[in-house]
Structures are given as C-alpha cells and as structure tokens.
C-alpha cells in the first residue's frame, strides 16, 4: 500500500488562508496570518513587521536591525533578476521594514 504524501501549505495572498501580503503591498505576513500561525504553533514568538517609527535602541529597533541584516544576506544570494527588480518580494519586504 503506497504512503500518502503530506500536502504542503500553499502561500496565498487572497481568498481562504490569505495570510501573506501581496508583493505590491510589501510582502510578508498579515496580522491575521501571524495570529493563525501562533494558534497552530503554541509557544511561537512570531511577530509582524516593524513598520513604524521606533526609539533608538528599543526592542523593535533591534528586531528591525536584525531583520535588515538577515534579509540583506538573502538579497545578496538571490539571482541578478531578483536583486535588480524593485518589485521582487525581498525588495518589497525590505522597503516595508524600512531597511
């Protein structure tokens, strides 16, 4: 008897399970998506993007600095097409985080 494969969750930006922001709106997860993820994964510390003004040295500022450093590495390792496209998901997400 063949084993059944577990289906992967598909990232959707609209409709049922639309927990990801469309690229044009800055990519990343929505508030609703983070809430759903945390419900499905108790003990998770997942948070939404730091998009507003923050005080220098605050926790939010440190999260932003950390994300910007990580995402820069992702951007550097991506293809030339992605690096140079201002509408790529990574570039839009970095813009949303104010990197």
C-alpha atoms as a PDB file:
ATOM      1  CA  UNK A   1       0.000   0.000   0.000  1.00  0.00           C
ATOM      2  CA  UNK A   2       1.606   3.327  -1.079  1.00  0.00           C
ATOM      3  CA  UNK A   3       2.174   6.040   1.514  1.00  0.00           C
ATOM      4  CA  UNK A   4       0.149   9.207   1.261  1.00  0.00           C
ATOM      5  CA  UNK A   5       2.159  12.359   0.846  1.00  0.00           C
ATOM      6  CA  UNK A   6       1.515  15.230   3.167  1.00  0.00           C
ATOM      7  CA  UNK A   7       0.397  18.270   1.190  1.00  0.00           C
ATOM      8  CA  UNK A   8       2.376  21.459   1.646  1.00  0.00           C
ATOM      9  CA  UNK A   9       0.562  24.611   2.673  1.00  0.00           C
ATOM     10  CA  UNK A  10       0.443  26.936  -0.292  1.00  0.00           C
ATOM     11  CA  UNK A  11       1.253  30.575   0.352  1.00  0.00           C
ATOM     12  CA  UNK A  12      -1.738  32.586  -0.793  1.00  0.00           C
ATOM     13  CA  UNK A  13      -2.290  36.289  -0.719  1.00  0.00           C
ATOM     14  CA  UNK A  14      -6.044  36.211  -1.353  1.00  0.00           C
ATOM     15  CA  UNK A  15      -9.002  34.008  -0.555  1.00  0.00           C
ATOM     16  CA  UNK A  16      -9.173  31.386   2.188  1.00  0.00           C
ATOM     17  CA  UNK A  17      -5.878  31.196   4.025  1.00  0.00           C
ATOM     18  CA  UNK A  18      -4.715  34.501   2.529  1.00  0.00           C
ATOM     19  CA  UNK A  19      -2.169  35.095   5.252  1.00  0.00           C
ATOM     20  CA  UNK A  20       0.507  36.696   3.121  1.00  0.00           C
ATOM     21  CA  UNK A  21       0.591  40.262   1.904  1.00  0.00           C
ATOM     22  CA  UNK A  22       0.778  40.676  -1.896  1.00  0.00           C
ATOM     23  CA  UNK A  23       4.165  41.777  -3.211  1.00  0.00           C
ATOM     24  CA  UNK A  24       2.878  45.198  -4.225  1.00  0.00           C
ATOM     25  CA  UNK A  25       1.774  45.785  -0.624  1.00  0.00           C
ATOM     26  CA  UNK A  26       5.159  44.953   0.869  1.00  0.00           C
ATOM     27  CA  UNK A  27       5.177  41.121   1.011  1.00  0.00           C
ATOM     28  CA  UNK A  28       5.394  39.384   4.420  1.00  0.00           C
ATOM     29  CA  UNK A  29       2.649  38.017   6.628  1.00  0.00           C
ATOM     30  CA  UNK A  30      -0.548  39.806   7.598  1.00  0.00           C
ATOM     31  CA  UNK A  31      -1.663  40.290  11.208  1.00  0.00           C
ATOM     32  CA  UNK A  32      -4.323  37.664  10.618  1.00  0.00           C
ATOM     33  CA  UNK A  33      -1.678  35.289   9.264  1.00  0.00           C
ATOM     34  CA  UNK A  34       0.580  35.721  12.288  1.00  0.00           C
ATOM     35  CA  UNK A  35      -2.391  35.115  14.590  1.00  0.00           C
ATOM     36  CA  UNK A  36      -3.300  31.918  12.688  1.00  0.00           C
ATOM     37  CA  UNK A  37       0.326  30.726  12.770  1.00  0.00           C
ATOM     38  CA  UNK A  38       0.625  31.307  16.510  1.00  0.00           C
ATOM     39  CA  UNK A  39      -2.640  29.450  17.099  1.00  0.00           C
ATOM     40  CA  UNK A  40      -1.363  26.476  15.081  1.00  0.00           C
ATOM     41  CA  UNK A  41       2.066  26.607  16.771  1.00  0.00           C
ATOM     42  CA  UNK A  42       1.645  27.259  20.514  1.00  0.00           C
ATOM     43  CA  UNK A  43       4.646  28.931  22.099  1.00  0.00           C
ATOM     44  CA  UNK A  44       5.620  30.658  18.856  1.00  0.00           C
ATOM     45  CA  UNK A  45       7.062  34.152  19.109  1.00  0.00           C
ATOM     46  CA  UNK A  46       6.326  35.158  15.512  1.00  0.00           C
ATOM     47  CA  UNK A  47       5.530  38.853  15.135  1.00  0.00           C
ATOM     48  CA  UNK A  48       4.570  41.179  12.295  1.00  0.00           C
ATOM     49  CA  UNK A  49       6.974  43.603  10.643  1.00  0.00           C
ATOM     50  CA  UNK A  50       8.317  46.665  12.432  1.00  0.00           C
ATOM     51  CA  UNK A  51       6.980  49.386  10.157  1.00  0.00           C
ATOM     52  CA  UNK A  52       6.510  52.486  12.311  1.00  0.00           C
ATOM     53  CA  UNK A  53       8.876  54.913  13.995  1.00  0.00           C
ATOM     54  CA  UNK A  54      10.923  53.360  16.775  1.00  0.00           C
ATOM     55  CA  UNK A  55      13.129  54.700  19.533  1.00  0.00           C
ATOM     56  CA  UNK A  56      16.828  54.062  19.020  1.00  0.00           C
ATOM     57  CA  UNK A  57      17.946  51.001  20.982  1.00  0.00           C
ATOM     58  CA  UNK A  58      14.404  49.749  21.677  1.00  0.00           C
ATOM     59  CA  UNK A  59      13.413  46.086  21.191  1.00  0.00           C
ATOM     60  CA  UNK A  60      11.595  46.988  17.977  1.00  0.00           C
ATOM     61  CA  UNK A  61      14.649  48.840  16.659  1.00  0.00           C
ATOM     62  CA  UNK A  62      16.822  45.806  17.408  1.00  0.00           C
ATOM     63  CA  UNK A  63      14.328  43.490  15.635  1.00  0.00           C
ATOM     64  CA  UNK A  64      14.387  45.786  12.605  1.00  0.00           C
ATOM     65  CA  UNK A  65      18.187  45.926  12.559  1.00  0.00           C
ATOM     66  CA  UNK A  66      18.376  42.134  12.836  1.00  0.00           C
ATOM     67  CA  UNK A  67      15.820  41.578  10.047  1.00  0.00           C
ATOM     68  CA  UNK A  68      17.569  44.069   7.778  1.00  0.00           C
ATOM     69  CA  UNK A  69      20.905  42.307   8.270  1.00  0.00           C
ATOM     70  CA  UNK A  70      19.381  38.858   7.560  1.00  0.00           C
ATOM     71  CA  UNK A  71      17.391  40.000   4.556  1.00  0.00           C
ATOM     72  CA  UNK A  72      20.436  41.726   3.056  1.00  0.00           C
ATOM     73  CA  UNK A  73      22.137  38.333   3.039  1.00  0.00           C
ATOM     74  CA  UNK A  74      19.105  36.825   1.289  1.00  0.00           C
ATOM     75  CA  UNK A  75      19.138  39.636  -1.249  1.00  0.00           C
ATOM     76  CA  UNK A  76      22.844  39.171  -1.962  1.00  0.00           C
ATOM     77  CA  UNK A  77      22.377  35.422  -2.542  1.00  0.00           C
ATOM     78  CA  UNK A  78      19.385  35.866  -4.859  1.00  0.00           C
ATOM     79  CA  UNK A  79      19.562  35.933  -8.657  1.00  0.00           C
ATOM     80  CA  UNK A  80      20.503  39.076 -10.561  1.00  0.00           C
ATOM     81  CA  UNK A  81      16.919  39.279 -11.818  1.00  0.00           C
ATOM     82  CA  UNK A  82      15.594  39.411  -8.239  1.00  0.00           C
ATOM     83  CA  UNK A  83      18.321  41.764  -6.996  1.00  0.00           C
ATOM     84  CA  UNK A  84      17.634  44.322  -9.696  1.00  0.00           C
ATOM     85  CA  UNK A  85      13.843  44.088  -9.674  1.00  0.00           C
ATOM     86  CA  UNK A  86      12.377  46.747  -7.352  1.00  0.00           C
ATOM     87  CA  UNK A  87       9.120  44.752  -7.209  1.00  0.00           C
ATOM     88  CA  UNK A  88      10.644  41.444  -6.044  1.00  0.00           C
ATOM     89  CA  UNK A  89       9.271  40.072  -2.746  1.00  0.00           C
ATOM     90  CA  UNK A  90      12.546  40.523  -0.867  1.00  0.00           C
ATOM     91  CA  UNK A  91      12.984  44.131  -2.042  1.00  0.00           C
ATOM     92  CA  UNK A  92       9.375  44.999  -1.204  1.00  0.00           C
ATOM     93  CA  UNK A  93       9.644  43.376   2.232  1.00  0.00           C
ATOM     94  CA  UNK A  94      12.849  45.296   2.956  1.00  0.00           C
ATOM     95  CA  UNK A  95      11.130  48.508   1.915  1.00  0.00           C
ATOM     96  CA  UNK A  96       8.205  47.731   4.236  1.00  0.00           C
ATOM     97  CA  UNK A  97      10.596  47.141   7.149  1.00  0.00           C
ATOM     98  CA  UNK A  98      12.345  50.426   6.238  1.00  0.00           C
ATOM     99  CA  UNK A  99      15.715  48.795   5.605  1.00  0.00           C
END
